[in-house]
Protein backbone atom coordinates (compact mmCIF):
# COMPACT_ATOMS: atom_id res chain seq x y z
CA UNK A 1 82.78 92.46 110.45
CA UNK A 2 80.46 89.78 111.90
CA UNK A 3 82.08 86.34 112.38
CA UNK A 4 80.31 82.97 112.08
CA UNK A 5 83.01 80.65 112.78
CA UNK A 6 80.72 78.76 115.05
CA UNK A 7 78.42 77.96 112.16
CA UNK A 8 81.27 76.31 109.91
CA UNK A 9 80.84 72.98 108.24
CA UNK A 10 77.56 72.22 109.91
CA UNK A 11 75.57 75.38 109.05
CA UNK A 12 76.86 75.20 105.17
CA UNK A 13 76.33 71.73 104.56
CA UNK A 14 73.07 70.94 107.08
CA UNK A 15 71.81 74.16 108.40
CA UNK A 16 69.28 74.59 105.44
CA UNK A 17 68.03 71.13 105.71
CA UNK A 18 67.46 71.55 109.34
CA UNK A 19 65.81 74.87 109.16
CA UNK A 20 63.62 73.33 106.67
CA UNK A 21 62.48 70.41 108.38
CA UNK A 22 62.11 72.40 111.75
CA UNK A 23 60.00 74.75 109.74
CA UNK A 24 57.51 71.71 108.71
CA UNK A 25 56.86 70.89 112.53
CA UNK A 26 55.86 74.86 113.15
CA UNK A 27 52.28 76.48 112.65
CA UNK A 28 52.26 78.18 109.25
CA UNK A 29 52.27 81.71 111.22
CA UNK A 30 55.38 80.59 112.86
CA UNK A 31 56.97 79.73 109.43
CA UNK A 32 56.56 82.82 108.17
CA UNK A 33 58.19 84.18 111.30
CA UNK A 34 61.36 82.09 110.82
CA UNK A 35 61.60 83.01 106.93
CA UNK A 36 61.79 86.67 108.43
CA UNK A 37 64.59 85.73 110.98
CA UNK A 38 67.47 85.19 108.65
CA UNK A 39 68.51 83.57 105.55
CA UNK A 40 71.71 82.49 103.86
CA UNK A 41 72.97 84.89 101.08
CA UNK A 42 75.96 83.08 100.35
CA UNK A 43 77.90 79.90 100.70
CA UNK A 44 81.66 80.36 101.20
CA UNK A 45 83.42 76.88 101.55
CA UNK A 46 82.06 75.67 105.12
CA UNK A 47 80.95 78.93 105.81
CA UNK A 48 77.86 81.35 105.21
CA UNK A 49 77.08 84.81 104.45
CA UNK A 50 73.51 85.78 106.35
CA UNK A 51 71.21 88.13 105.39
CA UNK A 52 71.51 90.27 108.62
CA UNK A 53 75.21 90.74 107.95
CA UNK A 54 74.68 91.88 104.59
CA UNK A 55 72.20 94.40 105.70
CA UNK A 56 74.17 95.56 108.43
CA UNK A 57 77.41 96.19 106.77
CA UNK A 58 75.45 97.41 103.72
CA UNK A 59 73.71 100.25 106.08
CA UNK A 60 76.67 101.25 107.64
CA UNK A 61 78.79 101.78 104.46
CA UNK A 62 75.94 103.69 103.09
CA UNK A 63 75.96 106.04 105.84
CA UNK A 64 79.39 106.46 105.71
CA UNK A 65 79.23 107.48 102.15
CA UNK A 66 76.70 110.07 102.86
CA UNK A 67 78.43 111.64 105.54
CA UNK A 68 81.56 111.90 103.23
CA UNK A 69 79.09 113.79 100.81
CA UNK A 70 79.67 111.27 97.99
CA UNK A 71 76.81 110.44 95.88
CA UNK A 72 76.24 106.68 96.68
CA UNK A 73 75.56 104.22 94.01
CA UNK A 74 72.18 102.34 93.62
CA UNK A 75 71.36 100.36 96.13
CA UNK A 76 71.56 97.00 94.54
CA UNK A 77 75.24 97.98 93.03
CA UNK A 78 76.44 98.63 96.68
CA UNK A 79 74.63 95.33 98.13
CA UNK A 80 76.61 93.39 95.45
CA UNK A 81 80.02 95.10 96.25
CA UNK A 82 79.36 94.88 99.97
CA UNK A 83 78.37 90.67 99.53
CA UNK A 84 81.97 90.51 97.40
CA UNK A 85 83.57 92.29 100.63
CA UNK A 86 81.92 89.98 102.97
CA UNK A 87 83.03 86.69 100.84
CA UNK A 88 86.47 87.90 100.50
CA UNK A 89 86.49 88.37 104.54
CA UNK A 90 85.29 85.06 104.82
CA UNK A 91 87.91 83.31 103.12
CA UNK A 92 90.68 85.22 104.59
CA UNK A 93 89.56 84.31 108.08
CA UNK A 94 89.01 80.49 107.40
CA UNK A 95 92.67 80.36 106.35
CA UNK A 96 93.68 82.30 109.34
CA UNK A 97 91.51 79.78 111.70
CA UNK A 98 92.96 76.87 109.94
CA UNK A 99 96.81 78.01 110.43
CA UNK A 100 95.63 78.72 113.96
CA UNK A 101 95.96 82.01 114.29
CA UNK A 102 94.33 83.50 117.51
CA UNK A 103 94.58 86.88 118.84
CA UNK A 104 95.33 87.48 122.67
CA UNK A 105 93.05 89.60 124.49
CA UNK A 106 95.49 91.82 125.43
CA UNK A 107 96.27 92.84 121.86
CA UNK A 108 92.60 93.94 121.45
CA UNK A 109 92.61 95.74 124.55
CA UNK A 110 95.66 97.79 123.22
CA UNK A 111 94.11 98.10 119.75
CA UNK A 112 91.00 99.51 121.74
CA UNK A 113 93.14 102.13 123.79
CA UNK A 114 95.02 102.92 120.74
CA UNK A 115 91.67 103.90 118.62
CA UNK A 116 90.41 105.77 121.71
CA UNK A 117 93.41 107.79 122.01
CA UNK A 118 93.64 108.55 118.17
CA UNK A 119 89.77 109.95 118.67
CA UNK A 120 90.92 111.88 121.44
CA UNK A 121 89.02 109.73 123.96
CA UNK A 122 89.54 107.77 127.14
CA UNK A 123 88.84 104.03 126.88
CA UNK A 124 85.90 104.71 129.17
CA UNK A 125 84.30 107.04 126.82
CA UNK A 126 85.11 105.08 123.83
CA UNK A 127 83.43 102.40 125.50
CA UNK A 128 80.44 104.53 126.38
CA UNK A 129 80.28 105.44 122.63
CA UNK A 130 80.26 102.15 121.46
CA UNK A 131 77.12 101.23 123.48
CA UNK A 132 75.39 104.33 122.46
CA UNK A 133 75.52 103.51 118.78
CA UNK A 134 73.59 100.40 119.43
CA UNK A 135 76.48 98.10 119.41
CA UNK A 136 78.34 95.80 121.81
CA UNK A 137 81.78 95.36 123.04
CA UNK A 138 81.59 91.73 122.21
CA UNK A 139 80.78 92.71 118.52
CA UNK A 140 83.50 95.00 118.36
CA UNK A 141 86.13 92.69 120.12
CA UNK A 142 85.43 90.36 117.34
CA UNK A 143 85.71 92.58 114.70
CA UNK A 144 89.07 93.97 115.80
CA UNK A 145 90.07 90.30 116.13
CA UNK A 146 89.04 89.45 112.49
CA UNK A 147 90.73 92.36 111.11
CA UNK A 148 93.90 91.60 112.82
CA UNK A 149 93.81 88.18 111.79
CA UNK A 150 93.10 89.03 107.92
CA UNK A 151 95.98 91.51 108.19
CA UNK A 152 97.96 88.61 109.42
CA UNK A 153 96.78 86.14 106.68
CA UNK A 154 97.52 89.10 103.90
CA UNK A 155 101.07 89.68 105.21
CA UNK A 156 101.76 86.05 105.68
CA UNK A 157 100.47 84.69 102.23
CA UNK A 158 101.11 88.10 100.06
CA UNK A 159 104.51 89.59 101.02
CA UNK A 160 106.32 85.88 100.44
CA UNK A 161 105.12 86.24 96.99
CA UNK A 162 107.10 89.55 96.32
CA UNK A 163 110.48 89.71 95.53
CA UNK A 164 113.13 92.85 94.82
CA UNK A 165 116.08 92.22 93.36
CA UNK A 166 119.25 94.00 93.93
CA UNK A 167 119.53 95.59 90.56
CA UNK A 168 115.45 96.75 90.80
CA UNK A 169 116.84 98.13 94.34
CA UNK A 170 119.44 99.90 92.56
CA UNK A 171 117.80 101.49 89.72
CA UNK A 172 115.34 102.74 92.13
CA UNK A 173 117.82 104.26 94.67
CA UNK A 174 119.60 106.09 91.32
CA UNK A 175 116.41 107.35 89.83
CA UNK A 176 114.81 110.95 90.71
CA UNK A 177 112.36 109.43 92.69
CA UNK A 178 114.40 107.13 94.72
CA UNK A 179 116.69 110.18 95.47
CA UNK A 180 113.26 112.10 96.74
CA UNK A 181 112.15 109.14 98.93
CA UNK A 182 115.84 109.02 100.41
CA UNK A 183 116.07 112.67 100.72
CA UNK A 184 116.13 114.41 104.54
CA UNK A 185 113.06 115.86 105.92
CA UNK A 186 113.13 119.54 107.07
CA UNK A 187 110.85 121.51 109.17
CA UNK A 188 110.72 125.12 107.83
CA UNK A 189 109.16 128.65 108.05
CA UNK A 190 108.99 131.27 105.51
CA UNK A 191 108.28 134.93 105.15
CA UNK A 192 107.75 136.05 101.64
CA UNK A 193 107.48 139.28 100.11
CA UNK A 194 106.25 139.20 96.86
CA UNK A 195 107.68 140.84 93.91
CA UNK A 196 105.82 140.51 90.48
CA UNK A 197 106.99 140.25 87.09
CA UNK A 198 105.53 143.86 86.17
CA UNK A 199 106.98 145.49 89.39
CA UNK A 200 109.39 148.66 88.65
CA UNK A 201 112.75 148.93 89.92
CA UNK A 202 111.54 151.14 92.75
CA UNK A 203 108.69 148.83 93.67
CA UNK A 204 111.37 146.10 94.12
CA UNK A 205 113.67 148.58 96.08
CA UNK A 206 111.01 149.12 98.41
CA UNK A 207 109.88 145.63 98.83
CA UNK A 208 113.88 144.94 99.49
CA UNK A 209 114.11 147.85 102.04
CA UNK A 210 111.01 146.13 103.78
CA UNK A 211 112.97 142.75 103.73
CA UNK A 212 115.98 144.72 105.38
CA UNK A 213 113.86 145.96 107.99
CA UNK A 214 112.38 142.81 109.07
CA UNK A 215 116.14 141.08 109.02
CA UNK A 216 117.04 143.85 111.49
CA UNK A 217 113.98 142.72 113.80
CA UNK A 218 115.16 138.93 113.54
CA UNK A 219 118.48 140.04 114.57
CA UNK A 220 117.14 142.06 117.66
CA UNK A 221 115.27 138.78 118.74
CA UNK A 222 111.90 139.63 117.29
CA UNK A 223 110.04 136.24 116.92
CA UNK A 224 110.10 134.75 113.35
CA UNK A 225 106.65 133.57 113.44
CA UNK A 226 105.10 137.08 114.84
CA UNK A 227 106.97 138.58 111.50
CA UNK A 228 105.69 136.17 109.32
CA UNK A 229 102.15 136.67 110.64
CA UNK A 230 102.44 140.44 110.22
CA UNK A 231 104.19 140.42 106.92
CA UNK A 232 104.49 137.65 104.89
CA UNK A 233 102.43 137.29 101.48
CA UNK A 234 102.53 133.63 101.18
CA UNK A 235 99.30 131.51 102.06
CA UNK A 236 101.19 130.26 105.23
CA UNK A 237 101.02 133.50 106.98
CA UNK A 238 98.61 132.98 109.42
CA UNK A 239 100.25 129.65 110.41
CA UNK A 240 103.16 131.82 111.51
CA UNK A 241 104.87 130.90 107.83
CA UNK A 242 105.09 127.50 109.17
CA UNK A 243 105.64 125.07 106.03
CA UNK A 244 105.72 122.06 107.89
CA UNK A 245 107.78 119.11 107.26
CA UNK A 246 109.07 119.08 103.58
CA UNK A 247 111.28 116.56 101.93
CA UNK A 248 114.52 118.49 100.82
CA UNK A 249 114.34 117.10 97.51
CA UNK A 250 110.73 118.70 96.95
CA UNK A 251 111.83 122.17 97.91
CA UNK A 252 112.85 124.97 95.01
CA UNK A 253 116.22 124.54 93.90
CA UNK A 254 117.19 127.95 95.46
CA UNK A 255 115.83 126.85 98.82
CA UNK A 256 117.75 123.19 98.71
CA UNK A 257 121.09 125.41 98.23
CA UNK A 258 120.23 127.53 101.06
CA UNK A 259 118.96 124.66 103.50
CA UNK A 260 121.52 122.25 102.91
CA UNK A 261 124.38 124.73 104.81
CA UNK A 262 121.96 125.96 107.53
CA UNK A 263 122.12 125.31 111.28
CA UNK A 264 118.95 124.38 113.08
CA UNK A 265 117.25 127.54 114.44
CA UNK A 266 118.92 129.42 111.59
CA UNK A 267 117.48 132.04 109.37
CA UNK A 268 118.78 132.13 105.83
CA UNK A 269 120.35 135.20 103.82
CA UNK A 270 117.54 136.53 101.71
CA UNK A 271 116.72 134.40 98.68
CA UNK A 272 115.18 135.40 95.26
CA UNK A 273 112.90 133.59 93.17
CA UNK A 274 110.32 134.35 90.36
CA UNK A 275 107.60 135.06 93.22
CA UNK A 276 109.79 137.69 95.27
CA UNK A 277 111.94 137.65 98.11
CA UNK A 278 112.33 134.64 100.82
CA UNK A 279 113.43 134.50 104.18
CA UNK A 280 113.66 130.66 105.55
CA UNK A 281 114.34 129.30 109.12
CA UNK A 282 115.20 125.97 109.59
CA UNK A 283 113.26 124.58 112.93
CA UNK A 284 114.04 120.84 112.39
CA UNK A 285 115.84 118.15 110.34
CA UNK A 286 115.38 114.36 110.04
CA UNK A 287 117.37 111.93 107.94
CA UNK A 288 120.54 112.37 106.12
CA UNK A 289 124.17 111.91 107.90
CA UNK A 290 125.40 109.15 110.06
CA UNK A 291 123.01 106.50 111.46
CA UNK A 292 124.64 104.76 114.51
CA UNK A 293 122.52 102.03 115.32
CA UNK A 294 122.22 99.48 118.32
CA UNK A 295 122.46 96.10 116.79
CA UNK A 296 121.19 92.69 118.61
CA UNK A 297 122.83 89.06 118.17
CA UNK A 298 119.75 87.26 119.00
CA UNK A 299 118.12 83.90 118.92
CA UNK A 300 114.46 82.29 119.28
CA UNK A 301 112.20 79.49 119.61
CA UNK A 302 108.69 79.95 117.56
CA UNK A 303 105.82 77.77 118.28
CA UNK A 304 102.25 78.27 116.55
CA UNK A 305 99.10 77.26 117.80
CA UNK A 306 97.28 74.53 115.88
CA UNK A 307 94.23 72.30 115.97
CA UNK A 308 96.16 69.96 118.14
CA UNK A 309 97.78 72.79 120.42
CA UNK A 310 95.80 75.75 121.44
CA UNK A 311 97.16 79.15 121.99
CA UNK A 312 97.08 78.73 125.88
CA UNK A 313 99.03 75.32 125.51
CA UNK A 314 101.28 76.85 123.13
CA UNK A 315 102.17 79.51 125.72
CA UNK A 316 102.58 77.10 128.42
CA UNK A 317 104.87 74.93 126.59
CA UNK A 318 107.13 78.10 125.72
CA UNK A 319 106.96 78.78 129.25
CA UNK A 320 108.12 75.22 129.90
CA UNK A 321 111.08 75.67 127.40
CA UNK A 322 111.94 78.92 129.20
CA UNK A 323 112.61 77.44 132.62
CA UNK A 324 114.67 74.60 131.09
CA UNK A 325 117.11 77.18 129.65
CA UNK A 326 117.33 79.17 132.75
CA UNK A 327 117.85 76.09 134.84
CA UNK A 328 120.98 75.52 132.29
CA UNK A 329 119.53 73.23 129.52
CA UNK A 330 121.12 74.53 125.93
CA UNK A 331 119.20 77.11 124.06
CA UNK A 332 120.52 75.79 120.81
CA UNK A 333 119.38 72.00 121.35
CA UNK A 334 116.17 73.21 122.61
CA UNK A 335 115.31 75.32 119.61
CA UNK A 336 116.46 72.46 117.37
CA UNK A 337 113.98 69.96 118.98
CA UNK A 338 110.85 72.30 119.28
CA UNK A 339 111.10 75.59 117.00
CA UNK A 340 108.90 75.90 114.21
CA UNK A 341 110.79 78.50 112.45
CA UNK A 342 112.62 76.13 109.98
CA UNK A 343 115.32 78.98 108.85
CA UNK A 344 116.60 79.17 112.50
CA UNK A 345 115.96 76.19 114.10
CA UNK A 346 118.77 74.01 112.83
CA UNK A 347 121.03 76.57 113.26
CA UNK A 348 119.78 76.63 116.87
CA UNK A 349 117.55 79.53 116.80
CA UNK A 350 120.36 81.93 115.89
CA UNK A 351 119.07 85.08 113.98
CA UNK A 352 122.58 86.93 113.54
CA UNK A 353 123.32 90.30 113.99
CA UNK A 354 120.11 92.61 113.60
CA UNK A 355 119.57 95.41 111.04
CA UNK A 356 116.71 98.03 111.34
CA UNK A 357 113.69 96.87 109.85
CA UNK A 358 114.74 93.34 109.83
CA UNK A 359 112.12 91.87 112.25
CA UNK A 360 108.54 92.78 113.22
CA UNK A 361 107.99 95.73 115.77
CA UNK A 362 107.11 93.22 118.39
CA UNK A 363 109.96 91.24 117.96
CA UNK A 364 112.39 94.38 117.82
CA UNK A 365 110.77 95.96 120.90
CA UNK A 366 111.31 92.87 122.83
CA UNK A 367 114.98 92.42 121.80
CA UNK A 368 115.58 96.32 122.69
CA UNK A 369 114.05 95.58 126.36
CA UNK A 370 115.51 92.39 127.66
CA UNK A 371 118.95 92.09 129.39
CA UNK A 372 121.85 90.47 127.59
CA UNK A 373 121.26 86.54 127.94
CA UNK A 374 118.23 86.93 129.64
CA UNK A 375 115.26 84.68 128.25
CA UNK A 376 112.16 86.87 127.27
CA UNK A 377 108.65 85.81 128.36
CA UNK A 378 106.55 84.41 125.44
CA UNK A 379 105.21 87.08 123.21
CA UNK A 380 103.31 87.13 119.85
CA UNK A 381 103.74 88.33 116.57
CA UNK A 382 102.07 87.67 113.21
CA UNK A 383 103.97 84.31 112.96
CA UNK A 384 103.25 82.75 116.39
CA UNK A 385 104.43 82.79 119.60
CA UNK A 386 108.36 83.17 120.49
CA UNK A 387 110.84 83.33 123.23
CA UNK A 388 114.22 84.70 122.55
CA UNK A 389 117.42 85.81 124.00
CA UNK A 390 119.83 88.20 123.28
CA UNK A 391 123.65 87.20 123.53
CA UNK A 392 125.42 90.47 122.35
CA UNK A 393 124.89 94.06 121.49
CA UNK A 394 126.99 96.48 119.48
CA UNK A 395 126.74 100.05 118.12
CA UNK A 396 127.48 100.31 114.20
CA UNK A 397 126.75 102.77 111.37
CA UNK A 398 123.98 101.65 109.38
CA UNK A 399 123.53 104.75 107.05
CA UNK A 400 123.65 102.63 103.81
CA UNK A 401 121.58 99.90 105.04
CA UNK A 402 118.90 101.92 106.42
CA UNK A 403 118.68 103.73 103.36
CA UNK A 404 118.34 100.49 101.20
CA UNK A 405 115.98 98.77 103.98
CA UNK A 406 113.58 101.84 103.55
CA UNK A 407 113.75 101.81 99.89
CA UNK A 408 113.24 98.12 100.05
CA UNK A 409 110.00 98.57 102.18
CA UNK A 410 108.83 101.12 99.73
CA UNK A 411 108.60 98.88 96.97
CA UNK A 412 107.33 95.89 98.55
CA UNK A 413 104.42 98.00 99.72
CA UNK A 414 103.86 99.31 96.32
CA UNK A 415 103.98 95.71 94.96
CA UNK A 416 101.59 94.64 98.07
CA UNK A 417 98.44 96.23 96.60
CA UNK A 418 98.72 94.72 93.38
CA UNK A 419 100.00 91.05 94.41
CA UNK A 420 97.20 91.02 97.15
CA UNK A 421 94.20 91.61 94.31
CA UNK A 422 96.06 88.69 92.80
CA UNK A 423 95.98 86.45 95.37
CA UNK A 424 92.41 87.34 96.58
CA UNK A 425 91.34 86.39 93.18
CA UNK A 426 93.28 83.16 93.33
CA UNK A 427 91.67 82.26 96.64
CA UNK A 428 88.24 83.08 95.24
CA UNK A 429 88.53 81.12 92.13
CA UNK A 430 89.66 77.94 94.21
CA UNK A 431 86.99 78.37 96.74
CA UNK A 432 83.27 76.79 96.51
CA UNK A 433 81.07 79.91 96.24
CA UNK A 434 77.18 79.97 95.94
CA UNK A 435 75.42 83.21 95.82
CA UNK A 436 71.85 83.22 96.69
CA UNK A 437 69.57 85.52 95.22
CA UNK A 438 70.18 88.91 96.97
CA UNK A 439 67.46 90.77 98.77
């Protein structure tokens, strides 16, 4: 994603005329060379999309499609789709810039390190790979910053449009799907000895005798995975019978009844199904049961960079406020005077008792890591820059709250995709967009 913020306004309104006037002062050969350098393929408000951007993005996507083994569409169709994507990105980036969203270098560094780790590379190896591909670190860093800005714009603008009613949430939790989603996760191993529907009584008895022998070996301490590799008829045999993590509600009914009462590390009694005889081993279980959660009683001050106060000045102001509070000034009064979070500012920045998933990860991480009554250093979230203070902590059982929060987040994410497309179309309809001839 290339970014042309420096060309905003001046380029869209005057750059084309400037190029023309400049070209008139050049020899004929030079004019042809200027024409070949670049051209505008779309005007998006006060911004532009250039031919080189369209060419580079199209080539990259075409290569990715080919590598995936998918049949690529005709070039002209692909280029139109890529141009639409670039236009959409421009609109969202401009919203982000106008809202004062800026991405700190440290956040970009953390993203680079995470991407490198995800690809089993050191940061140095990843940087070398970037250079080997013909790109530059400046380009990659800008791409990361743009992606984060777009993500924050979408989260801020689209999520606020989504409402989940209590009735909608209750209906989902009571549905079969809701029960599935909220079901515990279990990690299982299986040994299957197949018995077909046409097997005779003697054949079935022979299989059962083999199963008894396997059970005896398990009792003697032979490794379950080793026995699965040697004996299981299931397709998971070569993986030691490992079925991985499964939702309890997704298991066959005969499995559910057995697993519900099993302890970690226990092997089930023989289970009979239409496929044959099964032995299950429960390796791990997640979810379900009592959830004791540490709560934080917190308050914060939020400041957002803007056209008058940039990011550095915003951080500096928060540091000044932090020092005043540490020197004895009242947090609540300062929050009422300075905080740009209207929901909490009038209450002195007070956020009440936290519940799991209530705040963005950056906020919850800071709450968990600072001492009581300490005022945190400024930190960034998608909403701006914060300082916060935790005045109390407690342990509460939040089993039901976690269940409902998880279900609500799932419903929000489902609605997000649909609402995002509606919002993207709205901002496109409201913007001035002029598409030139695509080459």
